[in-house]
Every structure is written in structure tokens, then in C-alpha cells.
């Protein structure tokens, strides 16, 4: 009987965590001058994004984050077991395809998957942007964190300033509107 209660509480907690962003409007933390109402200019108190990192992608290639300065970057923390993460990815694929030539770059950072787990997942979805390995890179996750839940995405402007953070699932249209403001 105790085991059933533990399972029931676990399921309820999981449902609450998955639906909380939809119930409470805290999905966007903004560093924009107008409190997130549409300005593309980051305020003076917006901080530089931690870009002094080199990470491996799922194919073992190095990616120097500092090399992306001059581009608008959407850094998305995700995991293969995260349902909401998987729901966001088709929108990221479309945005990368549509705006990549205009100086936009999506980066996906899997927080706890091996490259062997990531590759079939990325192939199934047709991911067209770098998928970075975050497993064992607590230093990187702490630089952007603490990371309390997935998905979480960070907007970095062309000057390398951390402008906006999304905690929880967001719609492609929201990301596209914000991207247009930053391009």
C-alpha cells in the first residue's frame, strides 16, 4: 500500500512540474529594458553570457562558444527523456532553417545524455543545429544556472549579452518574435 502512495505522489509531482509553466506565467525572465514587452535592446544591467567555454558536440567536434559572437544565439538545455523538450525542437529546427543565414544559431545542450543516446534522437527529429554534450560539464551548467528544470533556453545577443531566459516549454511563435527583435 505504501508503495502505491509513493508512486501516486511521484506521478502527481511530475504532472505539476510539467504543467506549472502553463499555469503560472513565469516562463520568461527578461533582462530587456521594457520588462520583456518587446524591446530588443538589453539594459545596462544585463550581464555578459558565459561564452568562454569549449564543448564537444555529439559527433566529438569542438565548439567554441566565443566563436559565435556576432550571432544571435538560442542556447537550449534539454534531455532525451524530456517530453516538453522534444515538443519545442521542431520549432527550433524551423527557426534555424529560416533565420540561420541572417546570423541566428540554435545550440542544443543535452544535460545528461551520451552522444550515443543523442544521435538517434537528433536523427529522428531531423535536427539541423549543433547538439552539445553537457554530461559531465557541471561547470558549464552552473555558469548558466542553476538549472532547475527542462527545457530552459537562453537568448544571447550579437554582442554576447544574456538577454532573456525561458524556463519551461514555449511556443515557436514566442521564440520567433523574440528572435526578430534581436536580429
C-alpha atoms as a PDB file:
ATOM      1  CA  UNK A   1       0.000   0.000   0.000  1.00  0.00           C
ATOM      2  CA  UNK A   2       2.822   2.421   0.888  1.00  0.00           C
ATOM      3  CA  UNK A   3       4.442   1.754  -2.486  1.00  0.00           C
ATOM      4  CA  UNK A   4       1.249   2.788  -4.313  1.00  0.00           C
ATOM      5  CA  UNK A   5       1.131   6.063  -2.394  1.00  0.00           C
ATOM      6  CA  UNK A   6       4.751   6.803  -3.235  1.00  0.00           C
ATOM      7  CA  UNK A   7       4.078   6.131  -6.928  1.00  0.00           C
ATOM      8  CA  UNK A   8       0.906   8.255  -6.866  1.00  0.00           C
ATOM      9  CA  UNK A   9       2.720  11.179  -5.231  1.00  0.00           C
ATOM     10  CA  UNK A  10       5.553  10.848  -7.739  1.00  0.00           C
ATOM     11  CA  UNK A  11       3.133  10.931 -10.679  1.00  0.00           C
ATOM     12  CA  UNK A  12       1.303  13.948  -9.253  1.00  0.00           C
ATOM     13  CA  UNK A  13       4.573  15.797  -8.688  1.00  0.00           C
ATOM     14  CA  UNK A  14       5.663  15.078 -12.268  1.00  0.00           C
ATOM     15  CA  UNK A  15       2.355  16.383 -13.635  1.00  0.00           C
ATOM     16  CA  UNK A  16       2.594  19.540 -11.548  1.00  0.00           C
ATOM     17  CA  UNK A  17       6.158  20.197 -12.736  1.00  0.00           C
ATOM     18  CA  UNK A  18       5.183  19.656 -16.375  1.00  0.00           C
ATOM     19  CA  UNK A  19       2.136  21.918 -16.234  1.00  0.00           C
ATOM     20  CA  UNK A  20       3.429  24.595 -13.879  1.00  0.00           C
ATOM     21  CA  UNK A  21       4.802  26.832 -16.669  1.00  0.00           C
ATOM     22  CA  UNK A  22       1.367  26.808 -18.306  1.00  0.00           C
ATOM     23  CA  UNK A  23      -0.398  27.606 -15.036  1.00  0.00           C
ATOM     24  CA  UNK A  24       1.961  30.314 -13.782  1.00  0.00           C
ATOM     25  CA  UNK A  25       3.326  32.901 -16.163  1.00  0.00           C
ATOM     26  CA  UNK A  26       6.958  32.659 -15.146  1.00  0.00           C
ATOM     27  CA  UNK A  27       8.247  31.071 -18.313  1.00  0.00           C
ATOM     28  CA  UNK A  28      10.181  34.144 -19.367  1.00  0.00           C
ATOM     29  CA  UNK A  29      12.655  36.011 -17.250  1.00  0.00           C
ATOM     30  CA  UNK A  30      13.600  39.111 -19.145  1.00  0.00           C
ATOM     31  CA  UNK A  31      16.559  41.403 -18.970  1.00  0.00           C
ATOM     32  CA  UNK A  32      15.075  43.666 -21.625  1.00  0.00           C
ATOM     33  CA  UNK A  33      14.615  47.340 -20.936  1.00  0.00           C
ATOM     34  CA  UNK A  34      10.836  47.179 -21.097  1.00  0.00           C
ATOM     35  CA  UNK A  35      10.432  44.126 -18.875  1.00  0.00           C
ATOM     36  CA  UNK A  36      10.038  41.761 -21.806  1.00  0.00           C
ATOM     37  CA  UNK A  37       7.294  43.620 -23.639  1.00  0.00           C
ATOM     38  CA  UNK A  38       9.101  43.724 -26.968  1.00  0.00           C
ATOM     39  CA  UNK A  39      12.308  45.760 -26.925  1.00  0.00           C
ATOM     40  CA  UNK A  40      15.350  44.156 -28.492  1.00  0.00           C
ATOM     41  CA  UNK A  41      17.823  46.304 -26.584  1.00  0.00           C
ATOM     42  CA  UNK A  42      19.278  44.762 -23.447  1.00  0.00           C
ATOM     43  CA  UNK A  43      19.539  47.039 -20.435  1.00  0.00           C
ATOM     44  CA  UNK A  44      22.845  48.176 -18.960  1.00  0.00           C
ATOM     45  CA  UNK A  45      22.426  45.723 -16.088  1.00  0.00           C
ATOM     46  CA  UNK A  46      22.112  42.714 -18.420  1.00  0.00           C
ATOM     47  CA  UNK A  47      25.157  40.568 -17.906  1.00  0.00           C
ATOM     48  CA  UNK A  48      27.538  39.062 -20.431  1.00  0.00           C
ATOM     49  CA  UNK A  49      26.757  35.457 -21.260  1.00  0.00           C
ATOM     50  CA  UNK A  50      29.358  32.910 -20.144  1.00  0.00           C
ATOM     51  CA  UNK A  51      30.902  32.268 -23.565  1.00  0.00           C
ATOM     52  CA  UNK A  52      34.435  31.235 -22.576  1.00  0.00           C
ATOM     53  CA  UNK A  53      33.686  27.535 -22.970  1.00  0.00           C
ATOM     54  CA  UNK A  54      34.592  24.855 -25.461  1.00  0.00           C
ATOM     55  CA  UNK A  55      32.132  21.980 -25.632  1.00  0.00           C
ATOM     56  CA  UNK A  56      32.005  18.790 -27.673  1.00  0.00           C
ATOM     57  CA  UNK A  57      29.095  18.174 -29.967  1.00  0.00           C
ATOM     58  CA  UNK A  58      27.525  14.739 -30.303  1.00  0.00           C
ATOM     59  CA  UNK A  59      29.993  13.924 -33.121  1.00  0.00           C
ATOM     60  CA  UNK A  60      33.038  14.722 -30.961  1.00  0.00           C
ATOM     61  CA  UNK A  61      33.797  18.079 -32.633  1.00  0.00           C
ATOM     62  CA  UNK A  62      34.782  21.079 -30.501  1.00  0.00           C
ATOM     63  CA  UNK A  63      32.569  24.151 -30.479  1.00  0.00           C
ATOM     64  CA  UNK A  64      33.998  27.357 -29.006  1.00  0.00           C
ATOM     65  CA  UNK A  65      31.061  29.424 -27.803  1.00  0.00           C
ATOM     66  CA  UNK A  66      33.068  32.648 -28.117  1.00  0.00           C
ATOM     67  CA  UNK A  67      33.296  31.987 -31.870  1.00  0.00           C
ATOM     68  CA  UNK A  68      29.547  32.682 -32.073  1.00  0.00           C
ATOM     69  CA  UNK A  69      29.894  36.322 -31.024  1.00  0.00           C
ATOM     70  CA  UNK A  70      28.226  38.398 -33.712  1.00  0.00           C
ATOM     71  CA  UNK A  71      25.316  35.957 -33.967  1.00  0.00           C
ATOM     72  CA  UNK A  72      22.062  35.788 -32.070  1.00  0.00           C
ATOM     73  CA  UNK A  73      22.228  32.511 -30.128  1.00  0.00           C
ATOM     74  CA  UNK A  74      19.414  30.477 -28.632  1.00  0.00           C
ATOM     75  CA  UNK A  75      21.008  28.067 -26.153  1.00  0.00           C
ATOM     76  CA  UNK A  76      18.538  25.334 -25.244  1.00  0.00           C
ATOM     77  CA  UNK A  77      19.181  22.924 -22.347  1.00  0.00           C
ATOM     78  CA  UNK A  78      17.319  19.646 -22.914  1.00  0.00           C
ATOM     79  CA  UNK A  79      17.387  15.853 -22.409  1.00  0.00           C
ATOM     80  CA  UNK A  80      16.146  12.890 -24.446  1.00  0.00           C
ATOM     81  CA  UNK A  81      13.755  11.879 -21.634  1.00  0.00           C
ATOM     82  CA  UNK A  82      12.163  15.368 -21.515  1.00  0.00           C
ATOM     83  CA  UNK A  83       8.800  15.409 -23.324  1.00  0.00           C
ATOM     84  CA  UNK A  84       8.423  19.213 -23.413  1.00  0.00           C
ATOM     85  CA  UNK A  85      11.967  19.469 -24.805  1.00  0.00           C
ATOM     86  CA  UNK A  86      11.014  17.218 -27.694  1.00  0.00           C
ATOM     87  CA  UNK A  87       7.900  19.331 -28.368  1.00  0.00           C
ATOM     88  CA  UNK A  88       9.996  22.521 -28.717  1.00  0.00           C
ATOM     89  CA  UNK A  89      12.608  21.105 -31.071  1.00  0.00           C
ATOM     90  CA  UNK A  90      10.635  21.160 -34.356  1.00  0.00           C
ATOM     91  CA  UNK A  91      10.187  24.919 -33.850  1.00  0.00           C
ATOM     92  CA  UNK A  92      13.924  25.352 -33.290  1.00  0.00           C
ATOM     93  CA  UNK A  93      14.618  23.365 -36.468  1.00  0.00           C
ATOM     94  CA  UNK A  94      12.300  25.637 -38.464  1.00  0.00           C
ATOM     95  CA  UNK A  95      13.776  28.810 -36.970  1.00  0.00           C
ATOM     96  CA  UNK A  96      17.332  27.647 -37.682  1.00  0.00           C
ATOM     97  CA  UNK A  97      16.385  26.889 -41.265  1.00  0.00           C
ATOM     98  CA  UNK A  98      14.577  30.192 -41.786  1.00  0.00           C
ATOM     99  CA  UNK A  99      16.909  32.600 -39.952  1.00  0.00           C
ATOM    100  CA  UNK A 100      20.316  30.878 -39.904  1.00  0.00           C
ATOM    101  CA  UNK A 101      21.644  32.890 -42.835  1.00  0.00           C
ATOM    102  CA  UNK A 102      20.675  36.109 -41.033  1.00  0.00           C
ATOM    103  CA  UNK A 103      23.058  35.424 -38.160  1.00  0.00           C
ATOM    104  CA  UNK A 104      20.982  33.141 -35.931  1.00  0.00           C
ATOM    105  CA  UNK A 105      22.273  29.970 -34.280  1.00  0.00           C
ATOM    106  CA  UNK A 106      20.414  27.433 -32.157  1.00  0.00           C
ATOM    107  CA  UNK A 107      22.535  25.314 -29.826  1.00  0.00           C
ATOM    108  CA  UNK A 108      21.085  22.305 -28.037  1.00  0.00           C
ATOM    109  CA  UNK A 109      22.859  21.167 -24.877  1.00  0.00           C
ATOM    110  CA  UNK A 110      21.822  17.758 -23.591  1.00  0.00           C
ATOM    111  CA  UNK A 111      22.297  17.894 -19.843  1.00  0.00           C
ATOM    112  CA  UNK A 112      22.660  14.182 -19.142  1.00  0.00           C
ATOM    113  CA  UNK A 113      22.727  12.130 -22.339  1.00  0.00           C
ATOM    114  CA  UNK A 114      25.673  10.441 -24.010  1.00  0.00           C
ATOM    115  CA  UNK A 115      26.434  11.076 -27.684  1.00  0.00           C
ATOM    116  CA  UNK A 116      25.179   7.550 -28.376  1.00  0.00           C
ATOM    117  CA  UNK A 117      21.791   8.482 -26.907  1.00  0.00           C
ATOM    118  CA  UNK A 118      21.698  11.865 -28.611  1.00  0.00           C
ATOM    119  CA  UNK A 119      22.499  10.778 -32.194  1.00  0.00           C
ATOM    120  CA  UNK A 120      19.388   8.646 -32.913  1.00  0.00           C
ATOM    121  CA  UNK A 121      17.215  11.212 -31.152  1.00  0.00           C
ATOM    122  CA  UNK A 122      18.592  14.065 -33.282  1.00  0.00           C
ATOM    123  CA  UNK A 123      18.359  11.976 -36.442  1.00  0.00           C
ATOM    124  CA  UNK A 124      14.722  11.063 -35.761  1.00  0.00           C
ATOM    125  CA  UNK A 125      13.791  14.730 -35.374  1.00  0.00           C
ATOM    126  CA  UNK A 126      15.986  15.962 -38.238  1.00  0.00           C
ATOM    127  CA  UNK A 127      17.913  18.389 -36.027  1.00  0.00           C
ATOM    128  CA  UNK A 128      19.849  20.910 -38.139  1.00  0.00           C
ATOM    129  CA  UNK A 129      21.806  22.666 -35.388  1.00  0.00           C
ATOM    130  CA  UNK A 130      24.705  21.614 -33.120  1.00  0.00           C
ATOM    131  CA  UNK A 131      23.789  19.238 -30.318  1.00  0.00           C
ATOM    132  CA  UNK A 132      26.286  19.712 -27.494  1.00  0.00           C
ATOM    133  CA  UNK A 133      27.183  17.197 -24.791  1.00  0.00           C
ATOM    134  CA  UNK A 134      26.534  18.592 -21.319  1.00  0.00           C
ATOM    135  CA  UNK A 135      27.043  15.304 -19.479  1.00  0.00           C
ATOM    136  CA  UNK A 136      29.929  15.796 -17.071  1.00  0.00           C
ATOM    137  CA  UNK A 137      30.029  19.556 -17.750  1.00  0.00           C
ATOM    138  CA  UNK A 138      28.621  20.824 -14.484  1.00  0.00           C
ATOM    139  CA  UNK A 139      30.899  23.861 -14.830  1.00  0.00           C
ATOM    140  CA  UNK A 140      29.004  24.960 -17.927  1.00  0.00           C
ATOM    141  CA  UNK A 141      25.576  24.222 -16.488  1.00  0.00           C
ATOM    142  CA  UNK A 142      26.428  26.139 -13.303  1.00  0.00           C
ATOM    143  CA  UNK A 143      27.632  29.118 -15.365  1.00  0.00           C
ATOM    144  CA  UNK A 144      24.107  29.430 -16.794  1.00  0.00           C
ATOM    145  CA  UNK A 145      22.267  28.049 -13.806  1.00  0.00           C
ATOM    146  CA  UNK A 146      21.343  26.797 -11.543  1.00  0.00           C
ATOM    147  CA  UNK A 147      19.294  24.683 -13.918  1.00  0.00           C
ATOM    148  CA  UNK A 148      16.170  23.637 -12.006  1.00  0.00           C
ATOM    149  CA  UNK A 149      14.113  22.183 -14.828  1.00  0.00           C
ATOM    150  CA  UNK A 150      13.970  21.408 -18.504  1.00  0.00           C
ATOM    151  CA  UNK A 151      13.616  22.773 -21.029  1.00  0.00           C
ATOM    152  CA  UNK A 152      15.363  26.037 -20.337  1.00  0.00           C
ATOM    153  CA  UNK A 153      16.555  28.362 -23.091  1.00  0.00           C
ATOM    154  CA  UNK A 154      18.790  31.419 -23.078  1.00  0.00           C
ATOM    155  CA  UNK A 155      18.841  34.258 -25.620  1.00  0.00           C
ATOM    156  CA  UNK A 156      22.297  35.704 -26.248  1.00  0.00           C
ATOM    157  CA  UNK A 157      22.514  38.794 -28.436  1.00  0.00           C
ATOM    158  CA  UNK A 158      25.155  39.584 -31.077  1.00  0.00           C
ATOM    159  CA  UNK A 159      27.377  41.308 -28.505  1.00  0.00           C
ATOM    160  CA  UNK A 160      27.349  38.263 -26.223  1.00  0.00           C
ATOM    161  CA  UNK A 161      24.869  39.663 -23.700  1.00  0.00           C
ATOM    162  CA  UNK A 162      22.426  37.333 -21.947  1.00  0.00           C
ATOM    163  CA  UNK A 163      19.103  38.997 -22.754  1.00  0.00           C
ATOM    164  CA  UNK A 164      16.361  36.565 -21.881  1.00  0.00           C
ATOM    165  CA  UNK A 165      15.727  33.202 -20.248  1.00  0.00           C
ATOM    166  CA  UNK A 166      12.811  30.838 -20.876  1.00  0.00           C
ATOM    167  CA  UNK A 167      12.070  28.257 -18.186  1.00  0.00           C
ATOM    168  CA  UNK A 168       9.672  25.606 -19.383  1.00  0.00           C
ATOM    169  CA  UNK A 169       8.129  24.993 -22.756  1.00  0.00           C
ATOM    170  CA  UNK A 170       7.405  27.937 -25.038  1.00  0.00           C
ATOM    171  CA  UNK A 171       5.761  28.241 -28.435  1.00  0.00           C
ATOM    172  CA  UNK A 172       7.693  28.676 -31.681  1.00  0.00           C
ATOM    173  CA  UNK A 173       5.840  31.944 -32.264  1.00  0.00           C
ATOM    174  CA  UNK A 174       7.183  33.359 -28.985  1.00  0.00           C
ATOM    175  CA  UNK A 175      10.736  32.404 -29.890  1.00  0.00           C
ATOM    176  CA  UNK A 176      10.319  33.799 -33.410  1.00  0.00           C
ATOM    177  CA  UNK A 177       9.005  37.144 -32.141  1.00  0.00           C
ATOM    178  CA  UNK A 178      11.945  37.450 -29.751  1.00  0.00           C
ATOM    179  CA  UNK A 179      14.389  36.392 -32.442  1.00  0.00           C
ATOM    180  CA  UNK A 180      13.149  39.099 -34.798  1.00  0.00           C
ATOM    181  CA  UNK A 181      13.689  41.649 -32.041  1.00  0.00           C
ATOM    182  CA  UNK A 182      17.296  40.537 -31.599  1.00  0.00           C
ATOM    183  CA  UNK A 183      18.306  40.097 -35.244  1.00  0.00           C
END
